[in-house]
Amino acid sequence: MQIKKKNDIDIILDNFSSIAEWDHTGKKLYLVFPDRKRGGQWTLMRYDDNRYSVHGLGQEYLDEAELFFDERDSIISFLWDNRAAFNASLKVAR
């Protein structure tokens, strides 16, 4: 599923388990895609309680901690802003 309009993000979040990998240690689903603004990668995570977070990592930076999204609109805005990189990562995964 590609992000072409904001409504697509709701479908992606509702079906996150079908596109994400499972982290047994952290007990969370995760998906990695490029951070084109900083030249690294984003890891988008969903926990069992349906909380989403993101963490950035690159050669020149490492986010100190995961950033948790308090509201669904926040995760939708994040994915909308990063939709080109997100879409590209899903094409490669196929």
C-alpha atoms as a PDB file:
ATOM      1  CA  MET A   1       0.000   0.000   0.000  1.00  0.00           C
ATOM      2  CA  GLN A   2       1.335   3.379  -1.017  1.00  0.00           C
ATOM      3  CA  ILE A   3       0.527   6.739   0.553  1.00  0.00           C
ATOM      4  CA  LYS A   4      -1.186   8.771  -2.149  1.00  0.00           C
ATOM      5  CA  LYS A   5      -3.657  10.620   0.058  1.00  0.00           C
ATOM      6  CA  LYS A   6      -3.939  11.129   3.803  1.00  0.00           C
ATOM      7  CA  ASN A   7      -6.731   8.553   4.081  1.00  0.00           C
ATOM      8  CA  ASP A   8      -4.234   5.903   2.931  1.00  0.00           C
ATOM      9  CA  ILE A   9      -2.301   6.442   6.152  1.00  0.00           C
ATOM     10  CA  ASP A  10      -5.270   5.310   8.246  1.00  0.00           C
ATOM     11  CA  ILE A  11      -5.382   2.078   6.255  1.00  0.00           C
ATOM     12  CA  ILE A  12      -1.641   1.577   6.699  1.00  0.00           C
ATOM     13  CA  LEU A  13      -1.839   2.139  10.460  1.00  0.00           C
ATOM     14  CA  ASP A  14      -4.832  -0.189  10.767  1.00  0.00           C
ATOM     15  CA  ASN A  15      -2.902  -2.889   8.859  1.00  0.00           C
ATOM     16  CA  PHE A  16       0.580  -2.141  10.190  1.00  0.00           C
ATOM     17  CA  SER A  17       1.177  -5.760  11.182  1.00  0.00           C
ATOM     18  CA  SER A  18       0.972  -6.842   7.534  1.00  0.00           C
ATOM     19  CA  ILE A  19       3.882  -4.611   6.445  1.00  0.00           C
ATOM     20  CA  ALA A  20       6.027  -4.460   9.588  1.00  0.00           C
ATOM     21  CA  GLU A  21       8.542  -6.829  11.177  1.00  0.00           C
ATOM     22  CA  TRP A  22       8.205  -8.192  14.721  1.00  0.00           C
ATOM     23  CA  ASP A  23      10.870  -7.379  17.334  1.00  0.00           C
ATOM     24  CA  HIS A  24      10.721 -10.250  19.841  1.00  0.00           C
ATOM     25  CA  THR A  25      13.026  -8.522  22.322  1.00  0.00           C
ATOM     26  CA  GLY A  26      11.203  -5.183  22.335  1.00  0.00           C
ATOM     27  CA  LYS A  27       7.805  -6.809  21.780  1.00  0.00           C
ATOM     28  CA  LYS A  28       6.837  -4.350  19.068  1.00  0.00           C
ATOM     29  CA  LEU A  29       6.249  -4.114  15.343  1.00  0.00           C
ATOM     30  CA  TYR A  30       8.677  -1.968  13.394  1.00  0.00           C
ATOM     31  CA  LEU A  31       9.321  -0.639   9.912  1.00  0.00           C
ATOM     32  CA  VAL A  32      12.511   1.083   8.752  1.00  0.00           C
ATOM     33  CA  PHE A  33      12.568   3.695   5.986  1.00  0.00           C
ATOM     34  CA  PRO A  34      14.910   6.514   4.895  1.00  0.00           C
ATOM     35  CA  ASP A  35      15.181   9.813   6.734  1.00  0.00           C
ATOM     36  CA  ARG A  36      15.830  11.925   3.655  1.00  0.00           C
ATOM     37  CA  LYS A  37      16.140  15.199   5.564  1.00  0.00           C
ATOM     38  CA  ARG A  38      19.011  14.015   7.781  1.00  0.00           C
ATOM     39  CA  GLY A  39      20.489  11.308   5.591  1.00  0.00           C
ATOM     40  CA  GLY A  40      19.785   8.335   7.824  1.00  0.00           C
ATOM     41  CA  GLN A  41      16.817   6.178   8.626  1.00  0.00           C
ATOM     42  CA  TRP A  42      13.603   6.269  10.592  1.00  0.00           C
ATOM     43  CA  THR A  43      12.301   3.321  12.546  1.00  0.00           C
ATOM     44  CA  LEU A  44       8.542   3.494  13.032  1.00  0.00           C
ATOM     45  CA  MET A  45       7.303   1.256  15.849  1.00  0.00           C
ATOM     46  CA  ARG A  46       3.951   0.099  17.196  1.00  0.00           C
ATOM     47  CA  TYR A  47       3.577  -1.456  20.625  1.00  0.00           C
ATOM     48  CA  ASP A  48       0.913  -3.915  21.772  1.00  0.00           C
ATOM     49  CA  ASP A  49      -1.111  -1.082  23.318  1.00  0.00           C
ATOM     50  CA  ASN A  50      -1.294   0.609  19.864  1.00  0.00           C
ATOM     51  CA  ARG A  51       1.149   3.372  20.794  1.00  0.00           C
ATOM     52  CA  TYR A  52       3.369   4.503  17.925  1.00  0.00           C
ATOM     53  CA  SER A  53       6.871   5.900  18.170  1.00  0.00           C
ATOM     54  CA  VAL A  54       9.691   6.836  15.847  1.00  0.00           C
ATOM     55  CA  HIS A  55      13.468   6.845  16.231  1.00  0.00           C
ATOM     56  CA  GLY A  56      16.101   8.311  13.902  1.00  0.00           C
ATOM     57  CA  LEU A  57      19.610   7.009  13.228  1.00  0.00           C
ATOM     58  CA  GLY A  58      22.284   8.074  10.773  1.00  0.00           C
ATOM     59  CA  GLN A  59      26.051   8.331  10.383  1.00  0.00           C
ATOM     60  CA  GLU A  60      26.054  11.846  11.809  1.00  0.00           C
ATOM     61  CA  TYR A  61      23.245  11.561  14.356  1.00  0.00           C
ATOM     62  CA  LEU A  62      21.395   9.308  16.774  1.00  0.00           C
ATOM     63  CA  ASP A  63      18.152  10.404  18.404  1.00  0.00           C
ATOM     64  CA  GLU A  64      18.474  10.108  22.176  1.00  0.00           C
ATOM     65  CA  ALA A  65      15.173   8.320  22.613  1.00  0.00           C
ATOM     66  CA  GLU A  66      12.054   7.252  20.785  1.00  0.00           C
ATOM     67  CA  LEU A  67       9.559  10.001  20.091  1.00  0.00           C
ATOM     68  CA  PHE A  68       6.078   8.784  21.026  1.00  0.00           C
ATOM     69  CA  PHE A  69       3.066  10.144  19.189  1.00  0.00           C
ATOM     70  CA  ASP A  70       0.360  11.227  21.620  1.00  0.00           C
ATOM     71  CA  GLU A  71      -2.366  11.521  19.009  1.00  0.00           C
ATOM     72  CA  ARG A  72      -3.159   9.657  15.817  1.00  0.00           C
ATOM     73  CA  ASP A  73      -3.093  12.968  13.915  1.00  0.00           C
ATOM     74  CA  SER A  74       0.583  13.350  14.858  1.00  0.00           C
ATOM     75  CA  ILE A  75       1.598  10.024  13.341  1.00  0.00           C
ATOM     76  CA  ILE A  76      -0.501  10.801  10.268  1.00  0.00           C
ATOM     77  CA  SER A  77       1.309  14.139   9.839  1.00  0.00           C
ATOM     78  CA  PHE A  78       4.699  12.466  10.295  1.00  0.00           C
ATOM     79  CA  LEU A  79       3.950   9.825   7.661  1.00  0.00           C
ATOM     80  CA  TRP A  80       2.458  12.387   5.297  1.00  0.00           C
ATOM     81  CA  ASP A  81       5.631  14.499   5.541  1.00  0.00           C
ATOM     82  CA  ASN A  82       7.769  11.413   4.884  1.00  0.00           C
ATOM     83  CA  ARG A  83       5.504   9.665   2.385  1.00  0.00           C
ATOM     84  CA  ALA A  84       7.996   9.598  -0.520  1.00  0.00           C
ATOM     85  CA  ALA A  85      10.621   7.773   1.561  1.00  0.00           C
ATOM     86  CA  PHE A  86       7.996   5.511   3.129  1.00  0.00           C
ATOM     87  CA  ASN A  87       6.571   4.591  -0.288  1.00  0.00           C
ATOM     88  CA  ALA A  88      10.041   3.913  -1.696  1.00  0.00           C
ATOM     89  CA  SER A  89      10.861   1.568   1.172  1.00  0.00           C
ATOM     90  CA  LEU A  90       7.708  -0.476   0.543  1.00  0.00           C
ATOM     91  CA  LYS A  91       8.566  -0.844  -3.152  1.00  0.00           C
ATOM     92  CA  VAL A  92      12.017  -2.209  -2.248  1.00  0.00           C
ATOM     93  CA  ALA A  93      10.541  -4.654   0.286  1.00  0.00           C
ATOM     94  CA  ARG A  94       8.352  -6.349  -2.349  1.00  0.00           C
END
